[in-house]
Protein backbone atom coordinates (compact mmCIF):
# COMPACT_ATOMS: atom_id res chain seq x y z
CA UNK A 1 -147.66 -286.68 79.95
CA UNK A 2 -148.85 -286.44 83.57
CA UNK A 3 -148.24 -290.17 83.78
CA UNK A 4 -144.59 -289.43 83.06
CA UNK A 5 -144.33 -288.16 86.60
CA UNK A 6 -144.91 -291.66 87.77
CA UNK A 7 -141.90 -292.83 85.80
CA UNK A 8 -139.66 -289.97 86.89
CA UNK A 9 -139.05 -291.25 90.46
CA UNK A 10 -137.64 -294.51 88.99
CA UNK A 11 -135.17 -292.58 86.90
CA UNK A 12 -134.11 -290.24 89.66
CA UNK A 13 -133.66 -293.07 92.11
CA UNK A 14 -131.73 -295.08 89.60
CA UNK A 15 -129.33 -292.31 88.82
CA UNK A 16 -128.91 -290.36 92.04
CA UNK A 17 -129.92 -292.15 95.25
CA UNK A 18 -127.04 -293.66 97.21
CA UNK A 19 -127.79 -295.94 100.14
CA UNK A 20 -125.23 -296.66 102.84
CA UNK A 21 -125.51 -300.03 104.53
CA UNK A 22 -122.47 -300.09 106.80
CA UNK A 23 -119.24 -298.22 107.28
CA UNK A 24 -116.50 -300.70 107.90
CA UNK A 25 -113.46 -300.61 105.63
CA UNK A 26 -114.40 -303.71 103.61
CA UNK A 27 -117.88 -302.42 102.86
CA UNK A 28 -116.50 -299.15 101.55
CA UNK A 29 -115.03 -301.09 98.61
CA UNK A 30 -118.43 -302.60 97.63
CA UNK A 31 -120.23 -301.09 94.63
CA UNK A 32 -123.51 -299.44 95.52
CA UNK A 33 -126.26 -301.63 94.01
CA UNK A 34 -128.72 -298.70 93.82
CA UNK A 35 -126.39 -296.35 91.92
CA UNK A 36 -126.27 -297.09 88.22
CA UNK A 37 -122.80 -296.49 86.90
CA UNK A 38 -122.75 -294.57 83.61
CA UNK A 39 -121.22 -297.40 81.53
CA UNK A 40 -124.12 -299.62 82.64
CA UNK A 41 -126.80 -297.14 81.66
CA UNK A 42 -128.07 -296.23 78.16
CA UNK A 43 -128.02 -299.91 77.25
CA UNK A 44 -131.73 -300.32 76.58
CA UNK A 45 -134.61 -298.40 75.09
CA UNK A 46 -136.08 -298.05 78.55
CA UNK A 47 -132.82 -296.44 79.78
CA UNK A 48 -133.16 -293.77 77.15
CA UNK A 49 -136.83 -293.16 77.94
CA UNK A 50 -136.01 -292.69 81.64
CA UNK A 51 -133.22 -290.33 80.75
CA UNK A 52 -135.55 -288.28 78.64
CA UNK A 53 -138.00 -287.93 81.52
CA UNK A 54 -135.21 -286.79 83.82
CA UNK A 55 -134.06 -284.30 81.19
CA UNK A 56 -137.21 -282.20 81.71
CA UNK A 57 -137.02 -282.06 85.50
CA UNK A 58 -134.65 -279.07 86.04
CA UNK A 59 -136.94 -276.87 83.86
CA UNK A 60 -140.21 -277.80 85.48
CA UNK A 61 -138.78 -277.73 89.01
CA UNK A 62 -139.06 -274.81 91.42
CA UNK A 63 -135.71 -273.19 90.59
CA UNK A 64 -136.77 -272.58 86.99
CA UNK A 65 -140.36 -272.66 85.73
CA UNK A 66 -141.75 -273.95 89.00
CA UNK A 67 -141.17 -270.53 90.46
CA UNK A 68 -137.99 -268.60 89.91
CA UNK A 69 -138.38 -267.56 86.26
CA UNK A 70 -141.54 -265.70 87.20
CA UNK A 71 -140.00 -263.53 89.91
CA UNK A 72 -136.66 -263.38 88.10
CA UNK A 73 -137.92 -262.56 84.64
CA UNK A 74 -141.62 -262.47 83.79
CA UNK A 75 -142.81 -260.14 86.57
CA UNK A 76 -140.42 -257.51 85.24
CA UNK A 77 -143.04 -256.46 82.69
CA UNK A 78 -145.10 -253.30 82.94
CA UNK A 79 -148.24 -255.28 83.76
CA UNK A 80 -147.16 -255.82 87.36
CA UNK A 81 -146.67 -253.13 89.98
CA UNK A 82 -144.89 -255.38 92.49
CA UNK A 83 -145.08 -254.68 96.22
CA UNK A 84 -141.49 -254.92 97.52
CA UNK A 85 -140.63 -257.89 99.65
CA UNK A 86 -136.94 -258.12 100.58
CA UNK A 87 -134.68 -259.84 98.03
CA UNK A 88 -137.55 -261.77 96.59
CA UNK A 89 -138.73 -258.81 94.47
CA UNK A 90 -135.55 -256.95 93.54
CA UNK A 91 -135.51 -258.66 90.10
CA UNK A 92 -139.19 -258.11 89.37
CA UNK A 93 -138.82 -254.46 90.34
CA UNK A 94 -135.79 -253.97 88.02
CA UNK A 95 -133.49 -253.36 90.99
CA UNK A 96 -131.51 -256.62 90.80
CA UNK A 97 -127.76 -256.51 90.83
CA UNK A 98 -125.12 -259.23 91.18
CA UNK A 99 -124.65 -260.24 94.75
CA UNK A 100 -127.96 -258.61 95.83
CA UNK A 101 -130.75 -260.58 94.19
CA UNK A 102 -130.61 -264.33 94.01
CA UNK A 103 -133.04 -265.11 91.26
CA UNK A 104 -130.72 -264.91 88.24
CA UNK A 105 -128.29 -267.20 90.07
CA UNK A 106 -131.00 -269.81 90.54
CA UNK A 107 -132.17 -269.78 86.98
CA UNK A 108 -128.83 -270.22 85.33
CA UNK A 109 -127.66 -273.70 86.35
CA UNK A 110 -131.07 -275.31 85.82
CA UNK A 111 -130.83 -274.63 82.10
CA UNK A 112 -127.37 -276.16 81.89
CA UNK A 113 -128.45 -279.22 83.86
CA UNK A 114 -131.17 -279.92 81.33
CA UNK A 115 -128.86 -279.21 78.42
CA UNK A 116 -126.27 -281.57 79.87
CA UNK A 117 -128.82 -284.33 80.08
CA UNK A 118 -129.97 -283.72 76.50
CA UNK A 119 -126.36 -283.72 75.29
CA UNK A 120 -125.78 -287.07 77.00
CA UNK A 121 -128.83 -288.67 75.39
CA UNK A 122 -127.75 -287.51 71.90
CA UNK A 123 -124.14 -288.65 72.47
CA UNK A 124 -125.11 -292.02 73.91
CA UNK A 125 -127.43 -292.75 71.06
CA UNK A 126 -124.58 -292.17 68.61
CA UNK A 127 -122.22 -294.31 70.62
CA UNK A 128 -124.39 -297.29 71.59
CA UNK A 129 -126.58 -298.03 68.56
CA UNK A 130 -129.43 -299.05 70.88
CA UNK A 131 -132.23 -297.15 69.23
CA UNK A 132 -133.68 -297.25 65.75
CA UNK A 133 -136.80 -296.25 63.79
CA UNK A 134 -139.66 -294.39 65.42
CA UNK A 135 -138.32 -294.91 68.93
CA UNK A 136 -135.00 -293.28 68.00
CA UNK A 137 -136.84 -290.38 66.38
CA UNK A 138 -139.01 -289.88 69.47
CA UNK A 139 -136.04 -289.93 71.87
CA UNK A 140 -133.73 -287.71 69.78
CA UNK A 141 -136.51 -285.36 68.76
CA UNK A 142 -137.25 -284.63 72.41
CA UNK A 143 -133.57 -284.20 73.26
CA UNK A 144 -133.00 -281.75 70.40
CA UNK A 145 -136.18 -279.86 71.26
CA UNK A 146 -135.29 -279.57 74.89
CA UNK A 147 -131.76 -278.41 74.22
CA UNK A 148 -133.17 -275.72 71.83
CA UNK A 149 -135.78 -274.74 74.42
CA UNK A 150 -133.10 -274.25 77.10
CA UNK A 151 -130.81 -272.38 74.76
CA UNK A 152 -133.69 -270.10 73.73
CA UNK A 153 -134.11 -269.03 77.32
CA UNK A 154 -130.37 -268.76 77.90
CA UNK A 155 -130.25 -266.41 74.93
CA UNK A 156 -133.23 -264.28 75.92
CA UNK A 157 -132.49 -264.19 79.64
CA UNK A 158 -128.66 -264.04 79.73
CA UNK A 159 -127.72 -263.15 76.13
CA UNK A 160 -123.99 -264.00 76.14
CA UNK A 161 -123.90 -267.15 78.20
CA UNK A 162 -121.75 -270.06 77.04
CA UNK A 163 -123.15 -272.40 74.38
CA UNK A 164 -122.62 -275.96 75.51
CA UNK A 165 -123.47 -278.46 72.81
CA UNK A 166 -121.49 -281.47 74.02
CA UNK A 167 -120.31 -283.11 77.20
CA UNK A 168 -116.92 -281.70 78.11
CA UNK A 169 -113.96 -283.99 77.44
CA UNK A 170 -112.12 -284.79 80.70
CA UNK A 171 -108.90 -284.93 78.75
CA UNK A 172 -109.42 -281.37 77.47
CA UNK A 173 -109.71 -279.04 80.48
CA UNK A 174 -110.47 -276.01 78.22
CA UNK A 175 -113.85 -277.51 77.44
CA UNK A 176 -114.83 -276.96 81.09
CA UNK A 177 -114.31 -273.19 80.68
CA UNK A 178 -116.39 -272.18 77.66
CA UNK A 179 -116.38 -268.49 76.61
CA UNK A 180 -119.36 -266.25 76.02
CA UNK A 181 -121.37 -267.10 72.89
CA UNK A 182 -122.85 -264.46 70.58
CA UNK A 183 -126.58 -264.29 69.86
CA UNK A 184 -125.80 -265.44 66.29
CA UNK A 185 -124.14 -268.58 67.65
CA UNK A 186 -127.16 -269.30 69.94
CA UNK A 187 -129.64 -268.74 67.12
CA UNK A 188 -127.73 -271.01 64.78
CA UNK A 189 -127.66 -273.80 67.37
CA UNK A 190 -131.34 -273.32 68.31
CA UNK A 191 -132.50 -273.46 64.67
CA UNK A 192 -130.36 -276.51 63.99
CA UNK A 193 -131.77 -278.39 66.97
CA UNK A 194 -135.37 -277.38 66.17
CA UNK A 195 -134.91 -278.48 62.57
CA UNK A 196 -133.74 -281.85 63.83
CA UNK A 197 -136.72 -282.00 66.19
CA UNK A 198 -139.16 -281.09 63.40
CA UNK A 199 -137.81 -283.93 61.29
CA UNK A 200 -138.11 -286.47 64.14
CA UNK A 201 -141.02 -285.60 66.41
CA UNK A 202 -144.52 -286.90 65.78
CA UNK A 203 -147.41 -284.49 65.26
CA UNK A 204 -149.18 -286.08 68.23
CA UNK A 205 -148.57 -288.63 71.00
CA UNK A 206 -150.57 -291.43 72.48
CA UNK A 207 -152.67 -290.84 75.60
CA UNK A 208 -149.88 -291.85 78.01
CA UNK A 209 -147.43 -289.35 76.46
CA UNK A 210 -149.67 -286.33 75.89
CA UNK A 211 -147.76 -283.16 76.64
CA UNK A 212 -144.40 -284.12 75.19
CA UNK A 213 -143.14 -281.73 72.49
CA UNK A 214 -144.54 -282.36 69.04
CA UNK A 215 -143.55 -281.37 65.53
CA UNK A 216 -145.94 -278.43 65.81
CA UNK A 217 -144.27 -277.26 69.03
CA UNK A 218 -140.84 -277.37 67.34
CA UNK A 219 -142.13 -275.46 64.31
CA UNK A 220 -143.71 -272.81 66.53
CA UNK A 221 -140.55 -272.37 68.60
CA UNK A 222 -138.39 -272.19 65.45
CA UNK A 223 -140.78 -269.62 64.00
CA UNK A 224 -140.57 -267.62 67.23
CA UNK A 225 -136.77 -267.75 67.00
CA UNK A 226 -136.88 -266.46 63.44
CA UNK A 227 -139.34 -263.70 64.53
CA UNK A 228 -136.98 -262.52 67.27
CA UNK A 229 -134.18 -262.53 64.66
CA UNK A 230 -136.41 -260.43 62.39
CA UNK A 231 -136.13 -263.13 59.74
CA UNK A 232 -139.70 -262.52 58.59
CA UNK A 233 -139.69 -264.88 55.64
CA UNK A 234 -138.71 -267.99 57.60
CA UNK A 235 -140.97 -267.04 60.49
CA UNK A 236 -143.90 -266.81 58.09
CA UNK A 237 -143.08 -270.21 56.61
CA UNK A 238 -142.95 -271.92 60.02
CA UNK A 239 -146.01 -270.25 61.53
CA UNK A 240 -148.03 -270.87 58.33
CA UNK A 241 -147.27 -274.56 58.55
CA UNK A 242 -148.39 -274.62 62.18
CA UNK A 243 -151.80 -273.33 61.01
CA UNK A 244 -152.17 -276.45 58.88
CA UNK A 245 -151.59 -278.96 61.65
CA UNK A 246 -155.07 -279.03 63.24
CA UNK A 247 -154.76 -276.55 66.08
CA UNK A 248 -157.75 -274.35 66.77
CA UNK A 249 -158.88 -271.62 69.14
CA UNK A 250 -161.26 -272.68 71.88
CA UNK A 251 -164.77 -271.24 71.75
CA UNK A 252 -165.30 -267.85 73.34
CA UNK A 253 -166.99 -269.33 76.37
CA UNK A 254 -164.02 -271.61 76.97
CA UNK A 255 -161.15 -269.06 76.77
CA UNK A 256 -160.52 -269.60 80.49
CA UNK A 257 -159.94 -273.32 79.97
CA UNK A 258 -156.47 -272.35 78.70
CA UNK A 259 -155.45 -271.79 82.31
CA UNK A 260 -157.36 -274.52 84.08
CA UNK A 261 -155.73 -277.27 86.09
CA UNK A 262 -158.50 -279.72 85.15
CA UNK A 263 -156.67 -282.57 83.32
CA UNK A 264 -159.55 -282.86 80.84
CA UNK A 265 -159.01 -279.21 79.81
CA UNK A 266 -155.23 -279.18 79.70
CA UNK A 267 -153.39 -280.02 76.46
CA UNK A 268 -156.46 -278.93 74.46
CA UNK A 269 -156.75 -277.99 70.81
CA UNK A 270 -155.27 -274.56 71.43
CA UNK A 271 -152.18 -275.88 73.25
CA UNK A 272 -149.08 -275.98 71.07
CA UNK A 273 -146.76 -276.73 73.98
CA UNK A 274 -147.25 -276.65 77.77
CA UNK A 275 -145.19 -277.83 80.75
CA UNK A 276 -146.85 -280.68 82.62
CA UNK A 277 -147.57 -280.43 86.37
CA UNK A 278 -149.38 -282.55 88.92
CA UNK A 279 -150.64 -281.47 92.33
CA UNK A 280 -148.65 -282.83 95.25
CA UNK A 281 -148.85 -282.52 99.03
CA UNK A 282 -145.10 -282.60 99.66
CA UNK A 283 -142.86 -279.64 98.86
CA UNK A 284 -139.05 -279.53 98.93
CA UNK A 285 -137.47 -276.26 97.84
CA UNK A 286 -135.06 -276.55 94.98
CA UNK A 287 -134.43 -280.28 95.09
CA UNK A 288 -133.65 -282.18 91.91
CA UNK A 289 -135.24 -285.30 93.36
CA UNK A 290 -138.35 -287.43 92.81
CA UNK A 291 -141.74 -285.85 93.34
CA UNK A 292 -140.38 -282.48 94.44
CA UNK A 293 -140.38 -280.45 91.23
CA UNK A 294 -143.73 -280.97 89.62
CA UNK A 295 -145.79 -278.53 91.72
CA UNK A 296 -146.95 -275.34 90.12
CA UNK A 297 -145.37 -273.15 92.76
CA UNK A 298 -145.64 -269.98 90.64
CA UNK A 299 -149.08 -269.36 92.23
CA UNK A 300 -147.21 -267.51 94.98
CA UNK A 301 -146.18 -264.93 92.41
CA UNK A 302 -149.60 -264.45 90.71
CA UNK A 303 -151.91 -264.67 93.67
CA UNK A 304 -153.18 -261.46 95.34
CA UNK A 305 -151.60 -259.92 98.46
CA UNK A 306 -153.90 -261.67 100.91
CA UNK A 307 -152.97 -265.10 99.48
CA UNK A 308 -149.32 -264.69 98.45
CA UNK A 309 -146.53 -265.56 100.88
CA UNK A 310 -144.73 -262.49 99.47
CA UNK A 311 -146.52 -259.13 99.32
CA UNK A 312 -148.02 -259.74 95.87
CA UNK A 313 -148.71 -257.06 93.25
CA UNK A 314 -151.42 -255.16 91.47
CA UNK A 315 -152.05 -254.96 87.73
CA UNK A 316 -151.34 -251.53 86.32
CA UNK A 317 -154.41 -249.61 85.09
CA UNK A 318 -153.06 -249.01 81.58
CA UNK A 319 -153.31 -252.77 80.98
CA UNK A 320 -156.96 -252.76 81.95
CA UNK A 321 -157.56 -249.73 79.72
CA UNK A 322 -156.55 -251.66 76.61
CA UNK A 323 -159.33 -254.12 77.32
CA UNK A 324 -161.80 -251.33 77.93
CA UNK A 325 -160.83 -249.44 74.79
CA UNK A 326 -161.53 -252.57 72.74
CA UNK A 327 -164.70 -253.56 74.51
CA UNK A 328 -163.08 -256.89 75.48
CA UNK A 329 -165.06 -258.36 78.35
CA UNK A 330 -164.32 -262.08 77.84
CA UNK A 331 -160.54 -261.86 78.11
CA UNK A 332 -160.65 -258.99 80.61
CA UNK A 333 -162.62 -261.02 83.13
CA UNK A 334 -160.31 -264.03 82.77
CA UNK A 335 -157.14 -261.99 83.05
CA UNK A 336 -157.79 -259.36 85.71
CA UNK A 337 -159.60 -259.84 89.03
CA UNK A 338 -161.29 -256.57 90.01
CA UNK A 339 -164.67 -255.11 91.03
CA UNK A 340 -166.99 -255.36 88.03
CA UNK A 341 -170.64 -256.44 88.03
CA UNK A 342 -170.82 -260.09 88.94
CA UNK A 343 -167.10 -260.39 89.72
CA UNK A 344 -166.11 -263.31 91.90
CA UNK A 345 -163.07 -264.28 93.91
CA UNK A 346 -161.78 -267.66 95.14
CA UNK A 347 -164.37 -270.40 95.26
CA UNK A 348 -166.94 -268.22 93.55
CA UNK A 349 -167.30 -265.88 96.54
CA UNK A 350 -168.26 -262.25 95.77
CA UNK A 351 -165.13 -260.40 94.75
CA UNK A 352 -165.42 -257.52 97.18
CA UNK A 353 -165.93 -259.92 100.09
CA UNK A 354 -163.22 -262.40 99.24
CA UNK A 355 -160.64 -259.84 98.16
CA UNK A 356 -161.41 -257.35 100.94
CA UNK A 357 -157.89 -257.65 102.48
CA UNK A 358 -156.18 -257.16 99.12
CA UNK A 359 -158.45 -254.27 98.21
CA UNK A 360 -157.46 -252.61 101.49
CA UNK A 361 -153.75 -253.13 100.66
CA UNK A 362 -154.23 -251.44 97.27
CA UNK A 363 -156.15 -248.57 98.83
CA UNK A 364 -153.48 -247.99 101.44
CA UNK A 365 -150.87 -247.91 98.62
CA UNK A 366 -152.95 -245.48 96.55
CA UNK A 367 -153.27 -247.73 93.51
CA UNK A 368 -156.31 -249.33 91.85
CA UNK A 369 -157.39 -252.70 93.19
CA UNK A 370 -156.58 -254.79 90.10
CA UNK A 371 -155.16 -258.29 90.53
CA UNK A 372 -153.94 -261.19 88.40
CA UNK A 373 -156.42 -263.94 87.67
CA UNK A 374 -154.47 -266.29 85.32
CA UNK A 375 -152.39 -268.82 87.21
CA UNK A 376 -153.54 -267.46 90.59
CA UNK A 377 -155.55 -270.58 91.52
CA UNK A 378 -158.86 -268.75 91.42
CA UNK A 379 -160.68 -271.35 89.37
CA UNK A 380 -160.02 -274.38 91.51
CA UNK A 381 -163.23 -274.23 93.54
CA UNK A 382 -161.22 -273.47 96.67
CA UNK A 383 -161.60 -270.60 99.11
CA UNK A 384 -158.74 -268.16 99.68
CA UNK A 385 -157.94 -269.94 102.96
CA UNK A 386 -157.65 -273.28 101.19
CA UNK A 387 -155.10 -272.09 98.62
CA UNK A 388 -151.58 -272.98 99.90
CA UNK A 389 -149.10 -270.14 99.78
CA UNK A 390 -146.72 -272.04 97.44
CA UNK A 391 -149.54 -273.44 95.28
CA UNK A 392 -147.95 -276.87 95.28
CA UNK A 393 -151.30 -278.69 95.57
CA UNK A 394 -152.79 -277.12 92.47
CA UNK A 395 -150.87 -278.69 89.57
CA UNK A 396 -151.78 -276.27 86.79
CA UNK A 397 -149.91 -276.83 83.53
CA UNK A 398 -148.10 -273.76 82.20
CA UNK A 399 -149.00 -273.02 78.59
CA UNK A 400 -145.74 -272.07 76.89
CA UNK A 401 -147.11 -271.55 73.36
CA UNK A 402 -150.81 -271.30 72.51
CA UNK A 403 -152.30 -271.24 69.02
CA UNK A 404 -153.50 -267.67 69.60
CA UNK A 405 -149.90 -266.62 70.17
CA UNK A 406 -148.89 -268.33 66.94
CA UNK A 407 -151.58 -266.44 65.01
CA UNK A 408 -150.43 -263.12 66.40
CA UNK A 409 -146.76 -263.86 65.71
CA UNK A 410 -147.66 -264.87 62.12
CA UNK A 411 -149.53 -261.59 61.74
CA UNK A 412 -146.55 -259.64 63.07
CA UNK A 413 -144.14 -261.36 60.66
CA UNK A 414 -146.44 -260.74 57.69
CA UNK A 415 -146.91 -257.10 58.62
CA UNK A 416 -143.19 -256.52 59.03
CA UNK A 417 -142.54 -258.29 55.72
CA UNK A 418 -144.82 -255.79 53.96
CA UNK A 419 -147.88 -258.03 53.67
CA UNK A 420 -150.11 -255.98 55.88
CA UNK A 421 -153.45 -256.96 54.23
CA UNK A 422 -152.54 -260.66 54.70
CA UNK A 423 -151.70 -260.05 58.41
CA UNK A 424 -155.06 -258.58 59.46
CA UNK A 425 -157.18 -261.79 59.10
CA UNK A 426 -154.93 -263.62 61.56
CA UNK A 427 -155.40 -260.89 64.16
CA UNK A 428 -159.12 -260.98 63.47
CA UNK A 429 -159.25 -264.71 64.21
CA UNK A 430 -158.12 -263.94 67.74
CA UNK A 431 -160.43 -260.92 68.05
CA UNK A 432 -163.40 -262.86 66.73
CA UNK A 433 -162.96 -265.47 69.49
CA UNK A 434 -162.96 -262.58 72.00
CA UNK A 435 -166.19 -261.27 70.45
CA UNK A 436 -164.85 -257.78 69.80
CA UNK A 437 -164.91 -255.59 66.71
CA UNK A 438 -162.83 -256.90 63.85
CA UNK A 439 -160.08 -254.75 62.36
CA UNK A 440 -160.76 -253.20 58.96
CA UNK A 441 -158.64 -254.38 56.01
CA UNK A 442 -157.59 -250.74 55.32
CA UNK A 443 -155.22 -250.31 58.25
CA UNK A 444 -151.63 -249.13 57.58
CA UNK A 445 -148.54 -251.06 58.59
CA UNK A 446 -148.03 -248.73 61.59
CA UNK A 447 -151.65 -249.13 62.67
CA UNK A 448 -151.33 -252.93 62.47
CA UNK A 449 -148.14 -252.75 64.56
CA UNK A 450 -150.07 -251.02 67.33
CA UNK A 451 -153.00 -253.38 66.96
CA UNK A 452 -150.67 -256.36 67.48
CA UNK A 453 -149.13 -254.72 70.56
CA UNK A 454 -152.61 -254.19 72.03
CA UNK A 455 -153.87 -257.60 71.00
CA UNK A 456 -150.96 -259.34 72.70
CA UNK A 457 -151.81 -257.45 75.90
CA UNK A 458 -155.44 -258.62 75.75
CA UNK A 459 -154.69 -262.21 74.74
CA UNK A 460 -151.44 -262.98 76.57
CA UNK A 461 -151.10 -260.78 79.69
CA UNK A 462 -150.08 -262.99 82.58
CA UNK A 463 -148.49 -265.67 80.40
CA UNK A 464 -144.83 -264.60 80.40
CA UNK A 465 -144.43 -262.91 76.98
CA UNK A 466 -144.74 -259.19 77.67
CA UNK A 467 -141.21 -258.34 78.88
CA UNK A 468 -139.59 -260.19 76.00
CA UNK A 469 -141.92 -258.35 73.63
CA UNK A 470 -141.03 -254.92 75.05
CA UNK A 471 -137.30 -255.68 74.71
CA UNK A 472 -137.45 -256.95 71.16
CA UNK A 473 -139.74 -254.06 70.09
CA UNK A 474 -137.37 -251.61 71.78
CA UNK A 475 -140.22 -250.27 73.88
CA UNK A 476 -138.84 -251.25 77.28
CA UNK A 477 -137.23 -247.86 77.89
CA UNK A 478 -140.35 -245.92 76.86
CA UNK A 479 -142.65 -248.00 79.03
CA UNK A 480 -140.40 -249.02 81.95
CA UNK A 481 -137.65 -246.37 81.77
CA UNK A 482 -137.17 -243.45 84.19
CA UNK A 483 -139.60 -241.05 82.58
CA UNK A 484 -142.55 -243.43 82.14
CA UNK A 485 -145.93 -242.48 83.53
CA UNK A 486 -148.07 -244.88 81.53
CA UNK A 487 -149.62 -246.44 84.64
CA UNK A 488 -152.32 -243.82 85.15
CA UNK A 489 -149.72 -241.13 85.74
CA UNK A 490 -147.40 -243.42 87.66
CA UNK A 491 -144.36 -245.47 86.73
CA UNK A 492 -145.34 -249.14 86.29
CA UNK A 493 -143.00 -250.06 89.16
CA UNK A 494 -143.92 -247.09 91.37
CA UNK A 495 -144.55 -249.17 94.50
CA UNK A 496 -140.83 -250.07 94.65
CA UNK A 497 -139.65 -246.48 94.53
CA UNK A 498 -137.57 -244.29 92.19
CA UNK A 499 -134.80 -246.88 91.68
CA UNK A 500 -137.23 -249.38 90.15
CA UNK A 501 -136.71 -248.42 86.52
CA UNK A 502 -135.49 -250.09 83.35
CA UNK A 503 -131.92 -249.19 82.41
CA UNK A 504 -131.18 -249.42 78.71
CA UNK A 505 -128.04 -251.37 77.94
CA UNK A 506 -128.36 -253.40 81.10
CA UNK A 507 -131.85 -254.66 81.93
CA UNK A 508 -132.54 -256.27 78.60
CA UNK A 509 -130.64 -259.20 80.08
CA UNK A 510 -129.94 -260.71 83.50
CA UNK A 511 -126.41 -260.87 84.84
CA UNK A 512 -124.34 -264.03 84.62
CA UNK A 513 -123.91 -265.29 88.18
CA UNK A 514 -120.77 -264.06 89.90
CA UNK A 515 -119.87 -267.59 90.88
CA UNK A 516 -119.69 -268.51 87.19
CA UNK A 517 -117.50 -265.46 86.37
CA UNK A 518 -115.19 -266.32 89.24
CA UNK A 519 -114.92 -269.99 88.27
CA UNK A 520 -114.46 -269.47 84.51
CA UNK A 521 -111.60 -267.19 83.39
CA UNK A 522 -112.99 -267.19 79.81
CA UNK A 523 -116.35 -265.75 80.80
CA UNK A 524 -117.24 -262.07 80.75
CA UNK A 525 -120.15 -260.32 82.53
CA UNK A 526 -123.05 -258.86 80.62
CA UNK A 527 -123.00 -255.14 79.91
CA UNK A 528 -124.11 -252.86 82.70
CA UNK A 529 -123.37 -255.18 85.63
């Protein structure tokens, strides 16, 4: 789907760019020839295809996945001991509050922009009778998937945000002030949309559309939704079907390909769904405009202190210890950058030479020199000095769901459903690829629970799942709460000070932006804020 980025500018220019030719009174009454009025759009198949491409943009752009969700959500996990840097890190250090940290405010509207565009596509298809057959299925399947994808993140980031499933009626002002939705309402809508997507999306796309959501992606996300709902039976059904669709784990030697920016390695057999990015030289912060939102700017958040434009972070030693306890060298070396025999830094330089400035930072802070490797731009063949601070020239796709994740979620659902012996082989598929000792078939349900917790650390650290896992397992308070010393005797957020702790009943969710509360009399704030 990287070629989709070439189409995107046409859409964005068609819909949003206004050119002013003169300013006399007569000219002010002339229709802008470059601005497509809504009644004139959605009249052809190509209009719908352009609208679908534009629907993805708010999510891939910098104010959502392009950067902000990482600092605002994913870096809250116990893997990262974040070095404080003004307001940029108050969310990732669990100190964020309304009016103090901006990241939750930036995330929120991007989701609704994308939902609005999906709603419009669905509504215009029903009204205009332009599409039919496979084309209609492809267009509507993507719109339903994207709406479900956005609502999934609204639910798991904000919890009680409004559920907007249609374009507000201008004749009904109340529709512009939707109330908080319950988790049950969100889950019902997400499942309905994903079911529609499953029935419409193809299992694979042609070469020019690789990367668009597939039937397998919709099944995996619906299974994940059921898993979070603790609906084990339906989760098992969906994940089991995904295992029949031809996905496979990469060979052991190619585990790191899952995080490469090489187009020939992206969208591989292990990829169930990934967001598509291309490297670009230009960078415009936060613009919903052509060729400004497809850079993988998150590199600023995962790169080490001597590369990051912020202060960076270190990986907590209890994360490394899980790898060591399991003898997992393959995944350890592709997840954590640290001083082990043969370790390298950027461009293949010796680790201790290339990372000397970051090692000194860690030593001065009194913490082990352990750094993120995934999504830090370390495998691009570039030196530290050649990596741009924002990472916008790298273009690495973000893998949202990998097949290994599906296998572990299937194992979890089976174990929780009482089928522990059936769960173990799926964990062992992941362990076998890592070339570590397989689990015996005699483990108890509780032992398999812990094995899955550990396996998800080794397989998925640095990919954005850990904080959500801790919340749904009700482990966030134990591991990130006030009394935690899991990080080698320290709190996982120790570098930010004593206030950087998880507060039960509050930090499971982000706050709804104050501007939304002030503008909508029917909207209540999340608990604790």
